[in-house]
Protein backbone atom coordinates (compact mmCIF):
# COMPACT_ATOMS: atom_id res chain seq x y z
CA UNK A 1 0.20 -17.53 -59.96
CA UNK A 2 2.77 -20.23 -60.64
CA UNK A 3 5.80 -20.99 -58.49
CA UNK A 4 8.37 -23.71 -57.96
CA UNK A 5 6.97 -26.27 -55.53
CA UNK A 6 9.14 -28.90 -53.81
CA UNK A 7 7.51 -32.30 -54.15
CA UNK A 8 9.76 -34.70 -52.30
CA UNK A 9 13.02 -33.85 -54.04
CA UNK A 10 11.35 -32.82 -57.30
CA UNK A 11 11.01 -29.17 -58.28
CA UNK A 12 7.74 -28.49 -60.11
CA UNK A 13 6.44 -25.30 -61.74
CA UNK A 14 2.88 -25.41 -60.40
CA UNK A 15 -0.01 -23.29 -59.16
CA UNK A 16 0.45 -21.45 -55.86
CA UNK A 17 -1.41 -18.77 -53.94
CA UNK A 18 -0.27 -15.27 -54.89
CA UNK A 19 1.08 -13.26 -51.92
CA UNK A 20 -0.36 -9.87 -51.02
CA UNK A 21 1.76 -6.98 -49.74
CA UNK A 22 1.25 -5.84 -46.17
CA UNK A 23 2.12 -2.43 -44.74
CA UNK A 24 5.55 -1.29 -45.90
CA UNK A 25 5.76 -4.06 -48.52
CA UNK A 26 5.57 -4.26 -52.30
CA UNK A 27 4.52 -7.01 -54.70
CA UNK A 28 6.91 -7.60 -57.61
CA UNK A 29 6.10 -9.21 -60.95
CA UNK A 30 9.19 -11.39 -61.21
CA UNK A 31 10.98 -11.44 -64.57
CA UNK A 32 14.11 -13.31 -63.45
CA UNK A 33 15.64 -14.86 -60.36
CA UNK A 34 18.90 -16.70 -59.65
CA UNK A 35 20.14 -19.87 -57.99
CA UNK A 36 22.09 -19.63 -54.73
CA UNK A 37 23.64 -22.47 -52.75
CA UNK A 38 21.21 -21.66 -49.96
CA UNK A 39 18.43 -22.78 -52.33
CA UNK A 40 20.14 -26.13 -52.75
CA UNK A 41 20.47 -26.48 -48.98
CA UNK A 42 16.80 -25.56 -48.42
CA UNK A 43 15.66 -28.08 -50.99
CA UNK A 44 17.71 -30.76 -49.17
CA UNK A 45 16.05 -29.85 -45.87
CA UNK A 46 19.11 -28.28 -44.25
CA UNK A 47 18.28 -24.56 -44.46
CA UNK A 48 14.68 -23.69 -43.60
CA UNK A 49 13.49 -20.14 -44.24
CA UNK A 50 13.39 -17.78 -41.24
CA UNK A 51 10.08 -17.39 -39.40
CA UNK A 52 7.51 -15.55 -41.49
CA UNK A 53 9.39 -15.90 -44.78
CA UNK A 54 7.96 -17.59 -47.86
CA UNK A 55 8.52 -21.34 -48.11
CA UNK A 56 9.16 -20.88 -51.83
CA UNK A 57 12.81 -20.92 -52.90
CA UNK A 58 14.57 -17.84 -54.23
CA UNK A 59 16.65 -15.18 -52.43
CA UNK A 60 16.76 -12.49 -55.13
CA UNK A 61 14.83 -11.33 -58.16
CA UNK A 62 14.35 -8.62 -60.73
CA UNK A 63 11.05 -7.41 -62.11
CA UNK A 64 8.43 -4.68 -61.94
CA UNK A 65 6.45 -3.38 -58.98
CA UNK A 66 2.82 -4.40 -59.45
CA UNK A 67 1.32 -3.42 -56.09
CA UNK A 68 2.21 -1.13 -53.18
CA UNK A 69 1.40 -1.88 -49.59
CA UNK A 70 0.14 0.73 -47.15
CA UNK A 71 2.69 3.40 -46.29
CA UNK A 72 5.17 2.69 -49.08
CA UNK A 73 6.78 5.83 -50.48
CA UNK A 74 9.55 6.45 -52.98
CA UNK A 75 8.37 3.74 -55.37
CA UNK A 76 5.51 3.48 -57.86
CA UNK A 77 3.73 0.73 -59.76
CA UNK A 78 5.71 -0.20 -62.87
CA UNK A 79 9.15 0.67 -61.45
CA UNK A 80 11.85 -1.74 -62.63
CA UNK A 81 13.61 -3.11 -59.56
CA UNK A 82 15.72 -5.91 -58.17
CA UNK A 83 15.36 -7.13 -54.62
CA UNK A 84 17.00 -9.05 -51.81
CA UNK A 85 14.55 -11.67 -50.56
CA UNK A 86 14.18 -13.98 -47.57
CA UNK A 87 12.42 -16.40 -49.93
CA UNK A 88 9.78 -16.53 -52.65
CA UNK A 89 11.78 -15.54 -55.72
CA UNK A 90 11.01 -18.70 -57.73
CA UNK A 91 7.52 -17.45 -58.54
CA UNK A 92 5.60 -15.13 -60.82
CA UNK A 93 4.93 -12.77 -57.90
CA UNK A 94 6.91 -12.14 -54.73
CA UNK A 95 6.36 -9.78 -51.78
CA UNK A 96 9.14 -8.09 -49.85
CA UNK A 97 9.74 -5.01 -47.67
CA UNK A 98 10.16 -1.85 -49.73
CA UNK A 99 13.46 -1.26 -47.94
CA UNK A 100 14.91 -4.34 -49.65
CA UNK A 101 14.44 -2.92 -53.16
CA UNK A 102 17.11 -1.54 -55.44
CA UNK A 103 16.48 0.17 -58.77
CA UNK A 104 17.33 -1.96 -61.78
CA UNK A 105 20.39 -0.36 -63.38
CA UNK A 106 19.19 1.17 -66.64
CA UNK A 107 21.93 -0.42 -68.72
CA UNK A 108 21.16 -3.95 -67.49
CA UNK A 109 18.45 -6.42 -68.45
CA UNK A 110 16.17 -8.06 -65.90
CA UNK A 111 18.22 -11.23 -66.24
CA UNK A 112 21.44 -9.36 -65.46
CA UNK A 113 19.86 -7.45 -62.57
CA UNK A 114 18.61 -10.68 -60.99
CA UNK A 115 22.23 -11.78 -60.56
CA UNK A 116 23.14 -8.82 -58.36
CA UNK A 117 21.32 -8.47 -55.01
CA UNK A 118 22.35 -11.56 -53.04
CA UNK A 119 26.00 -11.72 -54.06
CA UNK A 120 26.83 -8.02 -53.88
CA UNK A 121 24.94 -7.68 -50.59
CA UNK A 122 26.88 -10.64 -49.18
CA UNK A 123 30.26 -9.36 -50.35
CA UNK A 124 29.62 -5.78 -49.23
CA UNK A 125 28.21 -6.78 -45.85
CA UNK A 126 30.95 -9.20 -44.90
CA UNK A 127 34.08 -7.61 -46.34
CA UNK A 128 33.39 -3.92 -45.96
CA UNK A 129 31.07 -3.86 -42.94
CA UNK A 130 31.68 -6.94 -40.78
CA UNK A 131 35.43 -7.08 -41.50
CA UNK A 132 35.71 -3.27 -41.86
CA UNK A 133 38.19 -3.52 -44.74
CA UNK A 134 40.46 -0.48 -44.83
CA UNK A 135 42.34 1.19 -47.68
CA UNK A 136 45.20 -0.90 -49.09
CA UNK A 137 44.41 -3.93 -46.90
CA UNK A 138 44.62 -7.33 -48.61
CA UNK A 139 41.88 -9.95 -48.99
CA UNK A 140 41.77 -13.73 -49.48
CA UNK A 141 38.61 -14.90 -51.20
CA UNK A 142 37.75 -18.60 -51.17
CA UNK A 143 35.50 -19.85 -53.99
CA UNK A 144 36.66 -16.87 -56.00
CA UNK A 145 34.73 -17.90 -59.14
CA UNK A 146 31.41 -18.14 -57.31
CA UNK A 147 28.76 -15.45 -57.46
CA UNK A 148 29.93 -13.92 -54.18
CA UNK A 149 33.57 -14.36 -55.15
CA UNK A 150 33.24 -12.59 -58.49
CA UNK A 151 31.31 -9.76 -56.82
CA UNK A 152 33.98 -9.44 -54.12
CA UNK A 153 36.83 -9.39 -56.67
CA UNK A 154 35.21 -6.46 -58.46
CA UNK A 155 34.62 -4.54 -55.23
CA UNK A 156 38.21 -5.09 -54.09
CA UNK A 157 39.51 -3.97 -57.48
CA UNK A 158 37.43 -0.79 -57.42
CA UNK A 159 38.35 0.18 -53.85
CA UNK A 160 42.05 -0.57 -54.30
CA UNK A 161 42.37 -3.69 -52.14
CA UNK A 162 44.66 -6.44 -53.51
CA UNK A 163 42.98 -9.84 -53.42
CA UNK A 164 44.00 -13.47 -53.82
CA UNK A 165 41.51 -16.22 -54.66
CA UNK A 166 41.18 -19.95 -54.35
CA UNK A 167 39.10 -21.94 -56.84
CA UNK A 168 39.02 -25.35 -58.49
CA UNK A 169 40.47 -25.33 -61.99
CA UNK A 170 42.96 -23.11 -63.78
CA UNK A 171 40.21 -21.72 -66.03
CA UNK A 172 38.52 -20.27 -62.97
CA UNK A 173 41.78 -18.83 -61.63
CA UNK A 174 42.54 -17.23 -64.98
CA UNK A 175 39.05 -15.73 -65.11
CA UNK A 176 39.37 -14.31 -61.60
CA UNK A 177 42.70 -12.69 -62.44
CA UNK A 178 41.21 -11.22 -65.62
CA UNK A 179 38.36 -9.85 -63.49
CA UNK A 180 40.77 -8.13 -61.11
CA UNK A 181 42.27 -10.62 -58.65
CA UNK A 182 46.02 -10.27 -58.12
CA UNK A 183 46.68 -13.99 -57.76
CA UNK A 184 45.07 -17.35 -57.17
CA UNK A 185 45.52 -20.93 -56.03
CA UNK A 186 44.03 -23.82 -57.99
CA UNK A 187 42.83 -26.32 -55.38
CA UNK A 188 42.67 -29.12 -57.94
CA UNK A 189 46.29 -28.89 -59.12
CA UNK A 190 48.18 -27.06 -56.38
CA UNK A 191 49.20 -24.39 -58.89
CA UNK A 192 49.53 -20.86 -57.61
CA UNK A 193 49.21 -18.07 -60.17
CA UNK A 194 49.60 -14.35 -60.26
CA UNK A 195 49.68 -11.88 -63.10
CA UNK A 196 53.35 -12.70 -63.75
CA UNK A 197 53.98 -16.38 -63.01
CA UNK A 198 52.78 -19.89 -62.09
CA UNK A 199 54.29 -21.74 -59.10
CA UNK A 200 53.53 -25.17 -57.64
CA UNK A 201 52.49 -24.92 -53.98
CA UNK A 202 51.41 -27.47 -51.39
CA UNK A 203 48.53 -25.46 -49.91
CA UNK A 204 46.70 -22.19 -50.32
CA UNK A 205 48.32 -20.96 -47.08
CA UNK A 206 51.79 -21.42 -48.59
CA UNK A 207 50.60 -19.76 -51.81
CA UNK A 208 49.18 -16.76 -49.91
CA UNK A 209 52.42 -16.31 -47.97
CA UNK A 210 54.38 -16.38 -51.23
CA UNK A 211 51.99 -13.84 -52.72
CA UNK A 212 52.42 -11.58 -49.67
CA UNK A 213 56.22 -11.84 -49.56
CA UNK A 214 56.42 -8.19 -50.61
CA UNK A 215 54.89 -7.33 -47.21
CA UNK A 216 57.48 -9.34 -45.23
CA UNK A 217 55.09 -12.29 -45.19
CA UNK A 218 52.70 -10.58 -42.81
CA UNK A 219 49.71 -12.41 -44.31
CA UNK A 220 46.33 -11.14 -45.43
CA UNK A 221 44.14 -8.73 -43.52
CA UNK A 222 40.70 -10.16 -44.37
CA UNK A 223 39.52 -13.64 -45.40
CA UNK A 224 36.03 -14.36 -46.74
CA UNK A 225 35.36 -18.08 -46.29
CA UNK A 226 32.31 -20.16 -47.30
CA UNK A 227 34.14 -23.44 -46.58
CA UNK A 228 34.51 -23.60 -42.81
CA UNK A 229 36.04 -26.42 -40.79
CA UNK A 230 38.53 -27.94 -43.20
CA UNK A 231 40.04 -24.52 -44.00
CA UNK A 232 40.29 -23.11 -40.48
CA UNK A 233 43.89 -24.08 -39.71
CA UNK A 234 45.30 -22.79 -43.01
CA UNK A 235 43.17 -19.66 -42.78
CA UNK A 236 44.63 -18.89 -39.36
CA UNK A 237 48.19 -19.47 -40.53
CA UNK A 238 47.96 -16.96 -43.37
CA UNK A 239 46.13 -14.19 -41.48
CA UNK A 240 48.05 -11.05 -40.59
CA UNK A 241 48.20 -9.68 -37.05
CA UNK A 242 44.82 -8.01 -36.35
CA UNK A 243 43.34 -9.84 -39.33
CA UNK A 244 39.66 -10.76 -39.67
CA UNK A 245 38.29 -14.11 -40.80
CA UNK A 246 34.62 -13.94 -41.84
CA UNK A 247 32.88 -17.30 -42.02
CA UNK A 248 29.82 -17.34 -44.31
CA UNK A 249 29.41 -21.06 -45.07
CA UNK A 250 30.17 -24.58 -43.94
CA UNK A 251 30.83 -26.45 -47.18
CA UNK A 252 33.93 -27.99 -45.56
CA UNK A 253 32.34 -28.95 -42.25
CA UNK A 254 30.96 -27.32 -39.13
CA UNK A 255 33.71 -28.23 -36.65
CA UNK A 256 37.49 -27.96 -36.40
CA UNK A 257 40.27 -27.76 -33.83
CA UNK A 258 41.44 -24.22 -33.17
CA UNK A 259 44.85 -23.05 -32.00
CA UNK A 260 43.88 -20.52 -29.34
CA UNK A 261 47.49 -19.53 -28.82
CA UNK A 262 47.78 -18.43 -32.46
CA UNK A 263 44.52 -16.54 -32.13
CA UNK A 264 45.92 -14.65 -29.13
CA UNK A 265 49.32 -13.94 -30.68
CA UNK A 266 47.85 -12.67 -33.95
CA UNK A 267 44.94 -10.93 -32.23
CA UNK A 268 42.68 -11.78 -35.14
CA UNK A 269 38.89 -11.83 -35.13
CA UNK A 270 36.79 -14.82 -36.16
CA UNK A 271 33.42 -13.52 -37.33
CA UNK A 272 30.41 -15.71 -38.07
CA UNK A 273 27.94 -14.14 -40.45
CA UNK A 274 24.65 -14.92 -42.18
CA UNK A 275 22.48 -12.62 -44.27
CA UNK A 276 19.10 -14.30 -44.67
CA UNK A 277 18.24 -14.42 -40.96
CA UNK A 278 18.98 -10.74 -40.26
CA UNK A 279 16.09 -8.47 -39.38
CA UNK A 280 14.24 -6.46 -42.01
CA UNK A 281 15.68 -3.29 -40.49
CA UNK A 282 19.24 -4.61 -40.73
CA UNK A 283 18.74 -5.63 -44.34
CA UNK A 284 17.21 -2.26 -45.17
CA UNK A 285 20.29 -0.48 -43.82
CA UNK A 286 22.51 -2.78 -45.87
CA UNK A 287 20.47 -2.16 -49.03
CA UNK A 288 20.62 1.61 -48.48
CA UNK A 289 24.41 1.41 -48.13
CA UNK A 290 24.60 -0.62 -51.35
CA UNK A 291 22.40 1.86 -53.18
CA UNK A 292 24.56 4.79 -52.14
CA UNK A 293 28.06 3.33 -52.47
CA UNK A 294 27.87 0.42 -54.92
CA UNK A 295 24.89 0.79 -57.25
CA UNK A 296 26.23 3.85 -59.13
CA UNK A 297 29.15 1.65 -60.23
CA UNK A 298 26.79 -0.47 -62.32
CA UNK A 299 25.54 2.60 -64.17
CA UNK A 300 29.13 3.64 -64.88
CA UNK A 301 30.09 0.12 -66.00
CA UNK A 302 32.79 -0.32 -63.35
CA UNK A 303 30.89 -3.28 -61.88
CA UNK A 304 28.99 -5.91 -63.83
CA UNK A 305 26.95 -9.07 -63.22
CA UNK A 306 28.83 -12.31 -63.85
CA UNK A 307 26.45 -14.88 -65.32
CA UNK A 308 27.43 -18.42 -66.26
CA UNK A 309 24.17 -19.17 -68.05
CA UNK A 310 20.49 -18.24 -68.24
CA UNK A 311 17.66 -20.77 -68.52
CA UNK A 312 13.86 -20.88 -68.14
CA UNK A 313 12.64 -21.52 -64.62
CA UNK A 314 11.00 -24.72 -65.88
CA UNK A 315 14.56 -26.05 -66.27
CA UNK A 316 15.43 -25.36 -62.63
CA UNK A 317 16.43 -29.00 -62.03
CA UNK A 318 19.17 -28.65 -64.66
CA UNK A 319 20.19 -25.37 -63.08
CA UNK A 320 20.56 -26.95 -59.64
CA UNK A 321 22.61 -29.80 -61.12
CA UNK A 322 24.88 -27.28 -62.82
CA UNK A 323 25.50 -25.35 -59.59
CA UNK A 324 26.08 -28.59 -57.69
CA UNK A 325 28.70 -29.62 -60.26
CA UNK A 326 30.96 -26.73 -59.17
CA UNK A 327 31.69 -26.00 -62.83
CA UNK A 328 30.09 -22.56 -62.91
CA UNK A 329 31.67 -19.13 -62.94
CA UNK A 330 29.28 -16.56 -61.50
CA UNK A 331 25.52 -17.01 -61.36
CA UNK A 332 22.93 -19.29 -62.95
CA UNK A 333 19.89 -17.12 -63.75
CA UNK A 334 16.31 -18.36 -64.18
CA UNK A 335 13.89 -16.45 -66.41
CA UNK A 336 10.15 -16.35 -65.78
CA UNK A 337 7.87 -15.92 -68.81
């Protein structure tokens, strides 16, 4: 088979050994995959795959089952699927546990389905499971125009949770509001927007407090943050009492001073979370929850993949550059001939 190989810092579409499914696994003929920031970090040498995972990039895919490992039930050769992967998606064939498969929604193409597993799994896991979001609670989503952000906006809209986003650029804020966010803060201009007005603000914390003024300024109940250190202080200031801050990335640094007194007074929880390094059993439970509670919403059209662009996997270098530019809204999808 062919797969993306890392040669120094170059990404080459070259020959590789085809993986074979073991017990409880399936082999998938990959039709499309998608770029995640974890792929960029792995290429740079900062995010190695977990033990036993493929060294090939790619954390999600869509395609057709081409081989079943011993003991696999509930699936057959030829089934159209998408999958959450620990690695290996940038290839013609990938192997993963059968418990990490989801059926491809019938109304979506392989390219569209490839944009779903990683971002909806991340949003569902961290907002609705780790943070245990309750009815009518509010959410602050950083990087609201990202793949995870656009998935989270749609989930919050469907389940009736008001959400506020931060992003860079008014075009992204406008898109997020159109998608279902109730307001947003443009990091590049300091402009806070909601469905009714635009207001200049000094920080996202001030903007969030203004947005929540209808709740006596109590703050937001849940924050999903891929930024980390540089956002910690403002995140803490705009959390409500008993709020939950879920940290899923460190784009803004891995360290920060923390006001322990504020943590005690507000009684909030700071939750660190990763998806890729979880056990196969944990991921299988997550995928089953997604299949039961989220996947029917794709068939009904209430949820949809958000794709910035689609390109052949041989143009992966251009795709990485596009994601690194921070100009994308949603996912960059790679097709495999």
